[in-house]
Amino acid sequence: MNPVKSKATSPQAPLEDVVEENKEVVEEIRDAAQELAVVHAVLATETVKAKPSEDTKEAVKRTKEVKTKLKATASKLAEATEVLEKHVSKSVQKP
C-alpha cells in the first residue's frame, strides 16, 4: 500500500483520501480472505484423500480460522470507514 498523498487544497481532502484508502484496504482484505478460502478448500480436500500428518491437519484448521479473522477484520474496517465517511460528509456540509 502506498501512503496517501493529497494534492487537493480542501481541509477535508486528507480525510476523504483516508476514506478512499480504507475502502481499498477493505477490498484487499476481502480478496485475501477469498484466496485463503480456496487454499483451505484444496487442503481440506487433499487431506481427505490421504492420511494427513497432525501438522497438516493443524494447517487446514488454521487456514479456516485465519479466513474467518480476515473477513471479520474487513467488516470492522468497512464499518469504521462508513462512520468516517459520514463524518467527512457532515463536515463538508457545514458552512
PDB file of N, CA and C in Angstrom:
ATOM      1  N   MET A   1       0.821  -1.169   0.000  1.00  0.00           N
ATOM      2  CA  MET A   1       0.000   0.000   0.000  1.00  0.00           C
ATOM      3  C   MET A   1       0.871   1.240   0.000  1.00  0.00           C
ATOM      4  N   ASN A   2       0.415   2.203  -0.738  1.00  0.00           N
ATOM      5  CA  ASN A   2       1.137   3.457  -0.808  1.00  0.00           C
ATOM      6  C   ASN A   2       0.551   4.449   0.190  1.00  0.00           C
ATOM      7  N   PRO A   3       1.393   5.300   0.755  1.00  0.00           N
ATOM      8  CA  PRO A   3       0.859   6.321   1.651  1.00  0.00           C
ATOM      9  C   PRO A   3      -0.051   7.262   0.874  1.00  0.00           C
ATOM     10  N   VAL A   4      -1.038   7.813   1.565  1.00  0.00           N
ATOM     11  CA  VAL A   4      -1.978   8.730   0.934  1.00  0.00           C
ATOM     12  C   VAL A   4      -1.279  10.070   0.723  1.00  0.00           C
ATOM     13  N   LYS A   5      -1.311  10.549  -0.518  1.00  0.00           N
ATOM     14  CA  LYS A   5      -0.722  11.843  -0.840  1.00  0.00           C
ATOM     15  C   LYS A   5      -1.792  12.674  -1.526  1.00  0.00           C
ATOM     16  N   SER A   6      -2.296  13.669  -0.848  1.00  0.00           N
ATOM     17  CA  SER A   6      -3.361  14.507  -1.380  1.00  0.00           C
ATOM     18  C   SER A   6      -2.792  15.765  -2.006  1.00  0.00           C
ATOM     19  N   LYS A   7      -3.296  16.088  -3.210  1.00  0.00           N
ATOM     20  CA  LYS A   7      -2.911  17.328  -3.869  1.00  0.00           C
ATOM     21  C   LYS A   7      -4.017  18.366  -3.740  1.00  0.00           C
ATOM     22  N   ALA A   8      -5.147  17.966  -3.166  1.00  0.00           N
ATOM     23  CA  ALA A   8      -6.280  18.872  -3.034  1.00  0.00           C
ATOM     24  C   ALA A   8      -6.007  19.916  -1.965  1.00  0.00           C
ATOM     25  N   THR A   9      -6.676  21.062  -2.096  1.00  0.00           N
ATOM     26  CA  THR A   9      -6.471  22.146  -1.146  1.00  0.00           C
ATOM     27  C   THR A   9      -7.532  22.189  -0.056  1.00  0.00           C
ATOM     28  N   SER A  10      -8.596  21.427  -0.192  1.00  0.00           N
ATOM     29  CA  SER A  10      -9.666  21.400   0.799  1.00  0.00           C
ATOM     30  C   SER A  10      -9.150  20.831   2.112  1.00  0.00           C
ATOM     31  N   PRO A  11      -9.568  21.435   3.253  1.00  0.00           N
ATOM     32  CA  PRO A  11      -9.140  20.890   4.544  1.00  0.00           C
ATOM     33  C   PRO A  11      -9.670  19.472   4.770  1.00  0.00           C
ATOM     34  N   GLN A  12     -10.761  19.104   4.100  1.00  0.00           N
ATOM     35  CA  GLN A  12     -11.332  17.769   4.252  1.00  0.00           C
ATOM     36  C   GLN A  12     -10.672  16.755   3.319  1.00  0.00           C
ATOM     37  N   ALA A  13      -9.902  17.230   2.360  1.00  0.00           N
ATOM     38  CA  ALA A  13      -9.315  16.333   1.362  1.00  0.00           C
ATOM     39  C   ALA A  13      -8.520  15.182   1.985  1.00  0.00           C
ATOM     40  N   PRO A  14      -7.661  15.432   2.980  1.00  0.00           N
ATOM     41  CA  PRO A  14      -6.929  14.299   3.556  1.00  0.00           C
ATOM     42  C   PRO A  14      -7.849  13.228   4.149  1.00  0.00           C
ATOM     43  N   LEU A  15      -8.929  13.647   4.823  1.00  0.00           N
ATOM     44  CA  LEU A  15      -9.867  12.669   5.377  1.00  0.00           C
ATOM     45  C   LEU A  15     -10.581  11.913   4.269  1.00  0.00           C
ATOM     46  N   GLU A  16     -10.937  12.618   3.214  1.00  0.00           N
ATOM     47  CA  GLU A  16     -11.576  11.959   2.076  1.00  0.00           C
ATOM     48  C   GLU A  16     -10.629  10.926   1.474  1.00  0.00           C
ATOM     49  N   ASP A  17      -9.354  11.263   1.422  1.00  0.00           N
ATOM     50  CA  ASP A  17      -8.358  10.324   0.901  1.00  0.00           C
ATOM     51  C   ASP A  17      -8.254   9.089   1.797  1.00  0.00           C
ATOM     52  N   VAL A  18      -8.315   9.305   3.106  1.00  0.00           N
ATOM     53  CA  VAL A  18      -8.261   8.191   4.059  1.00  0.00           C
ATOM     54  C   VAL A  18      -9.463   7.271   3.859  1.00  0.00           C
ATOM     55  N   VAL A  19     -10.629   7.862   3.671  1.00  0.00           N
ATOM     56  CA  VAL A  19     -11.837   7.068   3.435  1.00  0.00           C
ATOM     57  C   VAL A  19     -11.647   6.194   2.197  1.00  0.00           C
ATOM     58  N   GLU A  20     -11.166   6.787   1.128  1.00  0.00           N
ATOM     59  CA  GLU A  20     -10.966   6.025  -0.110  1.00  0.00           C
ATOM     60  C   GLU A  20      -9.913   4.928   0.073  1.00  0.00           C
ATOM     61  N   GLU A  21      -8.838   5.255   0.769  1.00  0.00           N
ATOM     62  CA  GLU A  21      -7.787   4.264   1.038  1.00  0.00           C
ATOM     63  C   GLU A  21      -8.343   3.112   1.869  1.00  0.00           C
ATOM     64  N   ASN A  22      -9.154   3.437   2.880  1.00  0.00           N
ATOM     65  CA  ASN A  22      -9.770   2.392   3.711  1.00  0.00           C
ATOM     66  C   ASN A  22     -10.658   1.481   2.879  1.00  0.00           C
ATOM     67  N   LYS A  23     -11.408   2.048   1.955  1.00  0.00           N
ATOM     68  CA  LYS A  23     -12.265   1.239   1.087  1.00  0.00           C
ATOM     69  C   LYS A  23     -11.424   0.257   0.263  1.00  0.00           C
ATOM     70  N   GLU A  24     -10.292   0.735  -0.228  1.00  0.00           N
ATOM     71  CA  GLU A  24      -9.399  -0.130  -0.991  1.00  0.00           C
ATOM     72  C   GLU A  24      -8.840  -1.248  -0.109  1.00  0.00           C
ATOM     73  N   VAL A  25      -8.473  -0.903   1.117  1.00  0.00           N
ATOM     74  CA  VAL A  25      -7.925  -1.895   2.048  1.00  0.00           C
ATOM     75  C   VAL A  25      -8.981  -2.954   2.375  1.00  0.00           C
ATOM     76  N   VAL A  26     -10.226  -2.526   2.559  1.00  0.00           N
ATOM     77  CA  VAL A  26     -11.312  -3.476   2.820  1.00  0.00           C
ATOM     78  C   VAL A  26     -11.389  -4.494   1.682  1.00  0.00           C
ATOM     79  N   GLU A  27     -11.326  -4.010   0.455  1.00  0.00           N
ATOM     80  CA  GLU A  27     -11.404  -4.920  -0.691  1.00  0.00           C
ATOM     81  C   GLU A  27     -10.195  -5.853  -0.745  1.00  0.00           C
ATOM     82  N   GLU A  28      -9.023  -5.339  -0.422  1.00  0.00           N
ATOM     83  CA  GLU A  28      -7.826  -6.178  -0.413  1.00  0.00           C
ATOM     84  C   GLU A  28      -7.939  -7.280   0.650  1.00  0.00           C
ATOM     85  N   ILE A  29      -8.458  -6.930   1.814  1.00  0.00           N
ATOM     86  CA  ILE A  29      -8.632  -7.924   2.878  1.00  0.00           C
ATOM     87  C   ILE A  29      -9.650  -8.971   2.453  1.00  0.00           C
ATOM     88  N   ARG A  30     -10.748  -8.518   1.853  1.00  0.00           N
ATOM     89  CA  ARG A  30     -11.772  -9.466   1.386  1.00  0.00           C
ATOM     90  C   ARG A  30     -11.217 -10.392   0.306  1.00  0.00           C
ATOM     91  N   ASP A  31     -10.415  -9.842  -0.598  1.00  0.00           N
ATOM     92  CA  ASP A  31      -9.786 -10.667  -1.630  1.00  0.00           C
ATOM     93  C   ASP A  31      -8.859 -11.710  -1.012  1.00  0.00           C
ATOM     94  N   ALA A  32      -8.072 -11.290  -0.018  1.00  0.00           N
ATOM     95  CA  ALA A  32      -7.161 -12.219   0.653  1.00  0.00           C
ATOM     96  C   ALA A  32      -7.944 -13.327   1.354  1.00  0.00           C
ATOM     97  N   ALA A  33      -9.050 -12.965   1.992  1.00  0.00           N
ATOM     98  CA  ALA A  33      -9.885 -13.964   2.667  1.00  0.00           C
ATOM     99  C   ALA A  33     -10.448 -14.956   1.655  1.00  0.00           C
ATOM    100  N   GLN A  34     -10.838 -14.444   0.501  1.00  0.00           N
ATOM    101  CA  GLN A  34     -11.385 -15.317  -0.544  1.00  0.00           C
ATOM    102  C   GLN A  34     -10.309 -16.272  -1.060  1.00  0.00           C
ATOM    103  N   GLU A  35      -9.109 -15.768  -1.280  1.00  0.00           N
ATOM    104  CA  GLU A  35      -7.999 -16.615  -1.724  1.00  0.00           C
ATOM    105  C   GLU A  35      -7.687 -17.675  -0.674  1.00  0.00           C
ATOM    106  N   LEU A  36      -7.707 -17.274   0.578  1.00  0.00           N
ATOM    107  CA  LEU A  36      -7.440 -18.213   1.660  1.00  0.00           C
ATOM    108  C   LEU A  36      -8.529 -19.287   1.730  1.00  0.00           C
ATOM    109  N   ALA A  37      -9.749 -18.919   1.419  1.00  0.00           N
ATOM    110  CA  ALA A  37     -10.836 -19.895   1.397  1.00  0.00           C
ATOM    111  C   ALA A  37     -10.583 -20.962   0.337  1.00  0.00           C
ATOM    112  N   VAL A  38     -10.056 -20.551  -0.798  1.00  0.00           N
ATOM    113  CA  VAL A  38      -9.724 -21.505  -1.862  1.00  0.00           C
ATOM    114  C   VAL A  38      -8.601 -22.426  -1.406  1.00  0.00           C
ATOM    115  N   VAL A  39      -7.575 -21.852  -0.792  1.00  0.00           N
ATOM    116  CA  VAL A  39      -6.459 -22.660  -0.268  1.00  0.00           C
ATOM    117  C   VAL A  39      -6.987 -23.659   0.755  1.00  0.00           C
ATOM    118  N   HIS A  40      -7.851 -23.198   1.628  1.00  0.00           N
ATOM    119  CA  HIS A  40      -8.430 -24.074   2.647  1.00  0.00           C
ATOM    120  C   HIS A  40      -9.194 -25.229   2.001  1.00  0.00           C
ATOM    121  N   ALA A  41      -9.989 -24.916   1.000  1.00  0.00           N
ATOM    122  CA  ALA A  41     -10.779 -25.950   0.325  1.00  0.00           C
ATOM    123  C   ALA A  41      -9.876 -26.999  -0.317  1.00  0.00           C
ATOM    124  N   VAL A  42      -8.810 -26.563  -0.949  1.00  0.00           N
ATOM    125  CA  VAL A  42      -7.872 -27.502  -1.580  1.00  0.00           C
ATOM    126  C   VAL A  42      -7.207 -28.373  -0.523  1.00  0.00           C
ATOM    127  N   LEU A  43      -6.720 -27.742   0.540  1.00  0.00           N
ATOM    128  CA  LEU A  43      -6.070 -28.508   1.603  1.00  0.00           C
ATOM    129  C   LEU A  43      -7.043 -29.497   2.249  1.00  0.00           C
ATOM    130  N   ALA A  44      -8.243 -29.047   2.512  1.00  0.00           N
ATOM    131  CA  ALA A  44      -9.231 -29.917   3.149  1.00  0.00           C
ATOM    132  C   ALA A  44      -9.554 -31.107   2.250  1.00  0.00           C
ATOM    133  N   THR A  45      -9.673 -30.867   0.956  1.00  0.00           N
ATOM    134  CA  THR A  45      -9.961 -31.944   0.005  1.00  0.00           C
ATOM    135  C   THR A  45      -8.803 -32.932  -0.068  1.00  0.00           C
ATOM    136  N   GLU A  46      -7.596 -32.410  -0.121  1.00  0.00           N
ATOM    137  CA  GLU A  46      -6.418 -33.276  -0.221  1.00  0.00           C
ATOM    138  C   GLU A  46      -6.209 -34.111   1.042  1.00  0.00           C
ATOM    139  N   THR A  47      -6.540 -33.546   2.191  1.00  0.00           N
ATOM    140  CA  THR A  47      -6.328 -34.299   3.426  1.00  0.00           C
ATOM    141  C   THR A  47      -7.322 -35.443   3.566  1.00  0.00           C
ATOM    142  N   VAL A  48      -8.443 -35.359   2.874  1.00  0.00           N
ATOM    143  CA  VAL A  48      -9.413 -36.453   2.898  1.00  0.00           C
ATOM    144  C   VAL A  48      -8.879 -37.632   2.078  1.00  0.00           C
ATOM    145  N   LYS A  49      -8.143 -37.327   1.013  1.00  0.00           N
ATOM    146  CA  LYS A  49      -7.614 -38.360   0.107  1.00  0.00           C
ATOM    147  C   LYS A  49      -6.480 -39.166   0.734  1.00  0.00           C
ATOM    148  N   ALA A  50      -5.718 -38.555   1.574  1.00  0.00           N
ATOM    149  CA  ALA A  50      -4.544 -39.203   2.147  1.00  0.00           C
ATOM    150  C   ALA A  50      -4.585 -39.121   3.659  1.00  0.00           C
ATOM    151  N   LYS A  51      -3.678 -39.815   4.286  1.00  0.00           N
ATOM    152  CA  LYS A  51      -3.551 -39.767   5.736  1.00  0.00           C
ATOM    153  C   LYS A  51      -2.679 -38.555   6.084  1.00  0.00           C
ATOM    154  N   PRO A  52      -3.311 -37.440   6.473  1.00  0.00           N
ATOM    155  CA  PRO A  52      -2.523 -36.236   6.757  1.00  0.00           C
ATOM    156  C   PRO A  52      -1.809 -36.316   8.102  1.00  0.00           C
ATOM    157  N   SER A  53      -0.702 -35.614   8.170  1.00  0.00           N
ATOM    158  CA  SER A  53       0.011 -35.514   9.444  1.00  0.00           C
ATOM    159  C   SER A  53      -0.760 -34.570  10.364  1.00  0.00           C
ATOM    160  N   GLU A  54      -0.392 -34.580  11.625  1.00  0.00           N
ATOM    161  CA  GLU A  54      -1.030 -33.671  12.574  1.00  0.00           C
ATOM    162  C   GLU A  54      -0.755 -32.215  12.188  1.00  0.00           C
ATOM    163  N   ASP A  55       0.468 -31.949  11.681  1.00  0.00           N
ATOM    164  CA  ASP A  55       0.800 -30.592  11.239  1.00  0.00           C
ATOM    165  C   ASP A  55      -0.108 -30.152  10.088  1.00  0.00           C
ATOM    166  N   THR A  56      -0.379 -31.059   9.167  1.00  0.00           N
ATOM    167  CA  THR A  56      -1.258 -30.740   8.038  1.00  0.00           C
ATOM    168  C   THR A  56      -2.673 -30.480   8.521  1.00  0.00           C
ATOM    169  N   LYS A  57      -3.141 -31.303   9.444  1.00  0.00           N
ATOM    170  CA  LYS A  57      -4.481 -31.096   9.999  1.00  0.00           C
ATOM    171  C   LYS A  57      -4.570 -29.731  10.677  1.00  0.00           C
ATOM    172  N   GLU A  58      -3.530 -29.384  11.414  1.00  0.00           N
ATOM    173  CA  GLU A  58      -3.496 -28.091  12.105  1.00  0.00           C
ATOM    174  C   GLU A  58      -3.453 -26.943  11.093  1.00  0.00           C
ATOM    175  N   ALA A  59      -2.701 -27.122  10.007  1.00  0.00           N
ATOM    176  CA  ALA A  59      -2.623 -26.085   8.970  1.00  0.00           C
ATOM    177  C   ALA A  59      -3.996 -25.862   8.328  1.00  0.00           C
ATOM    178  N   VAL A  60      -4.713 -26.930   8.069  1.00  0.00           N
ATOM    179  CA  VAL A  60      -6.052 -26.814   7.488  1.00  0.00           C
ATOM    180  C   VAL A  60      -6.967 -26.059   8.452  1.00  0.00           C
ATOM    181  N   LYS A  61      -6.893 -26.416   9.718  1.00  0.00           N
ATOM    182  CA  LYS A  61      -7.709 -25.747  10.735  1.00  0.00           C
ATOM    183  C   LYS A  61      -7.366 -24.257  10.805  1.00  0.00           C
ATOM    184  N   ARG A  62      -6.068 -23.937  10.778  1.00  0.00           N
ATOM    185  CA  ARG A  62      -5.626 -22.535  10.877  1.00  0.00           C
ATOM    186  C   ARG A  62      -6.059 -21.720   9.666  1.00  0.00           C
ATOM    187  N   THR A  63      -6.051 -22.323   8.468  1.00  0.00           N
ATOM    188  CA  THR A  63      -6.470 -21.551   7.290  1.00  0.00           C
ATOM    189  C   THR A  63      -7.922 -21.107   7.442  1.00  0.00           C
ATOM    190  N   LYS A  64      -8.735 -21.988   7.990  1.00  0.00           N
ATOM    191  CA  LYS A  64     -10.142 -21.634   8.189  1.00  0.00           C
ATOM    192  C   LYS A  64     -10.270 -20.517   9.228  1.00  0.00           C
ATOM    193  N   GLU A  65      -9.492 -20.623  10.309  1.00  0.00           N
ATOM    194  CA  GLU A  65      -9.533 -19.603  11.365  1.00  0.00           C
ATOM    195  C   GLU A  65      -9.049 -18.243  10.842  1.00  0.00           C
ATOM    196  N   VAL A  66      -7.975 -18.263  10.063  1.00  0.00           N
ATOM    197  CA  VAL A  66      -7.429 -17.012   9.530  1.00  0.00           C
ATOM    198  C   VAL A  66      -8.410 -16.388   8.538  1.00  0.00           C
ATOM    199  N   LYS A  67      -9.041 -17.207   7.709  1.00  0.00           N
ATOM    200  CA  LYS A  67     -10.041 -16.706   6.766  1.00  0.00           C
ATOM    201  C   LYS A  67     -11.167 -16.000   7.522  1.00  0.00           C
ATOM    202  N   THR A  68     -11.644 -16.626   8.574  1.00  0.00           N
ATOM    203  CA  THR A  68     -12.713 -16.041   9.384  1.00  0.00           C
ATOM    204  C   THR A  68     -12.262 -14.720  10.004  1.00  0.00           C
ATOM    205  N   LYS A  69     -11.033 -14.700  10.503  1.00  0.00           N
ATOM    206  CA  LYS A  69     -10.496 -13.482  11.117  1.00  0.00           C
ATOM    207  C   LYS A  69     -10.354 -12.359  10.082  1.00  0.00           C
ATOM    208  N   LEU A  70      -9.892 -12.704   8.882  1.00  0.00           N
ATOM    209  CA  LEU A  70      -9.765 -11.698   7.826  1.00  0.00           C
ATOM    210  C   LEU A  70     -11.122 -11.104   7.456  1.00  0.00           C
ATOM    211  N   LYS A  71     -12.122 -11.969   7.340  1.00  0.00           N
ATOM    212  CA  LYS A  71     -13.458 -11.478   6.998  1.00  0.00           C
ATOM    213  C   LYS A  71     -14.000 -10.561   8.091  1.00  0.00           C
ATOM    214  N   ALA A  72     -13.787 -10.919   9.351  1.00  0.00           N
ATOM    215  CA  ALA A  72     -14.246 -10.088  10.469  1.00  0.00           C
ATOM    216  C   ALA A  72     -13.512  -8.748  10.476  1.00  0.00           C
ATOM    217  N   THR A  73     -12.226  -8.778  10.201  1.00  0.00           N
ATOM    218  CA  THR A  73     -11.430  -7.555  10.159  1.00  0.00           C
ATOM    219  C   THR A  73     -11.912  -6.646   9.035  1.00  0.00           C
ATOM    220  N   ALA A  74     -12.187  -7.222   7.885  1.00  0.00           N
ATOM    221  CA  ALA A  74     -12.697  -6.436   6.760  1.00  0.00           C
ATOM    222  C   ALA A  74     -14.031  -5.785   7.120  1.00  0.00           C
ATOM    223  N   SER A  75     -14.874  -6.518   7.794  1.00  0.00           N
ATOM    224  CA  SER A  75     -16.178  -5.965   8.199  1.00  0.00           C
ATOM    225  C   SER A  75     -16.015  -4.812   9.180  1.00  0.00           C
ATOM    226  N   LYS A  76     -15.124  -4.982  10.155  1.00  0.00           N
ATOM    227  CA  LYS A  76     -14.890  -3.914  11.136  1.00  0.00           C
ATOM    228  C   LYS A  76     -14.325  -2.666  10.455  1.00  0.00           C
ATOM    229  N   LEU A  77     -13.392  -2.867   9.537  1.00  0.00           N
ATOM    230  CA  LEU A  77     -12.802  -1.737   8.827  1.00  0.00           C
ATOM    231  C   LEU A  77     -13.844  -1.060   7.944  1.00  0.00           C
ATOM    232  N   ALA A  78     -14.704  -1.838   7.314  1.00  0.00           N
ATOM    233  CA  ALA A  78     -15.762  -1.268   6.476  1.00  0.00           C
ATOM    234  C   ALA A  78     -16.710  -0.418   7.324  1.00  0.00           C
ATOM    235  N   GLU A  79     -17.056  -0.908   8.506  1.00  0.00           N
ATOM    236  CA  GLU A  79     -17.930  -0.148   9.405  1.00  0.00           C
ATOM    237  C   GLU A  79     -17.255   1.148   9.858  1.00  0.00           C
ATOM    238  N   ALA A  80     -15.994   1.065  10.219  1.00  0.00           N
ATOM    239  CA  ALA A  80     -15.260   2.260  10.653  1.00  0.00           C
ATOM    240  C   ALA A  80     -15.143   3.260   9.508  1.00  0.00           C
ATOM    241  N   THR A  81     -14.923   2.767   8.324  1.00  0.00           N
ATOM    242  CA  THR A  81     -14.824   3.633   7.152  1.00  0.00           C
ATOM    243  C   THR A  81     -16.150   4.327   6.875  1.00  0.00           C
ATOM    244  N   GLU A  82     -17.233   3.602   7.052  1.00  0.00           N
ATOM    245  CA  GLU A  82     -18.560   4.183   6.847  1.00  0.00           C
ATOM    246  C   GLU A  82     -18.814   5.326   7.827  1.00  0.00           C
ATOM    247  N   VAL A  83     -18.450   5.120   9.079  1.00  0.00           N
ATOM    248  CA  VAL A  83     -18.605   6.173  10.089  1.00  0.00           C
ATOM    249  C   VAL A  83     -17.740   7.376   9.726  1.00  0.00           C
ATOM    250  N   LEU A  84     -16.505   7.118   9.338  1.00  0.00           N
ATOM    251  CA  LEU A  84     -15.600   8.198   8.944  1.00  0.00           C
ATOM    252  C   LEU A  84     -16.147   8.944   7.732  1.00  0.00           C
ATOM    253  N   GLU A  85     -16.679   8.205   6.780  1.00  0.00           N
ATOM    254  CA  GLU A  85     -17.234   8.822   5.574  1.00  0.00           C
ATOM    255  C   GLU A  85     -18.417   9.737   5.919  1.00  0.00           C
ATOM    256  N   LYS A  86     -19.274   9.288   6.837  1.00  0.00           N
ATOM    257  CA  LYS A  86     -20.403  10.115   7.273  1.00  0.00           C
ATOM    258  C   LYS A  86     -19.903  11.383   7.966  1.00  0.00           C
ATOM    259  N   HIS A  87     -18.880  11.230   8.793  1.00  0.00           N
ATOM    260  CA  HIS A  87     -18.303  12.380   9.498  1.00  0.00           C
ATOM    261  C   HIS A  87     -17.730  13.382   8.491  1.00  0.00           C
ATOM    262  N   VAL A  88     -17.025  12.890   7.498  1.00  0.00           N
ATOM    263  CA  VAL A  88     -16.428  13.761   6.479  1.00  0.00           C
ATOM    264  C   VAL A  88     -17.536  14.477   5.715  1.00  0.00           C
ATOM    265  N   SER A  89     -18.579  13.747   5.351  1.00  0.00           N
ATOM    266  CA  SER A  89     -19.703  14.355   4.620  1.00  0.00           C
ATOM    267  C   SER A  89     -20.355  15.455   5.426  1.00  0.00           C
ATOM    268  N   LYS A  90     -20.581  15.221   6.711  1.00  0.00           N
ATOM    269  CA  LYS A  90     -21.193  16.231   7.588  1.00  0.00           C
ATOM    270  C   LYS A  90     -20.286  17.435   7.721  1.00  0.00           C
ATOM    271  N   SER A  91     -18.989  17.213   7.830  1.00  0.00           N
ATOM    272  CA  SER A  91     -18.034  18.315   7.987  1.00  0.00           C
ATOM    273  C   SER A  91     -17.987  19.179   6.730  1.00  0.00           C
ATOM    274  N   VAL A  92     -18.110  18.550   5.580  1.00  0.00           N
ATOM    275  CA  VAL A  92     -18.072  19.280   4.308  1.00  0.00           C
ATOM    276  C   VAL A  92     -19.323  20.127   4.151  1.00  0.00           C
ATOM    277  N   GLN A  93     -20.449  19.632   4.659  1.00  0.00           N
ATOM    278  CA  GLN A  93     -21.730  20.332   4.520  1.00  0.00           C
ATOM    279  C   GLN A  93     -21.817  21.565   5.421  1.00  0.00           C
ATOM    280  N   LYS A  94     -21.034  21.619   6.474  1.00  0.00           N
ATOM    281  CA  LYS A  94     -21.070  22.781   7.389  1.00  0.00           C
ATOM    282  C   LYS A  94     -20.515  24.001   6.686  1.00  0.00           C
ATOM    283  N   PRO A  95     -21.151  25.170   6.897  1.00  0.00           N
ATOM    284  CA  PRO A  95     -20.653  26.406   6.242  1.00  0.00           C
ATOM    285  C   PRO A  95     -19.352  26.897   6.834  1.00  0.00           C
TER     286      PRO A  95
END
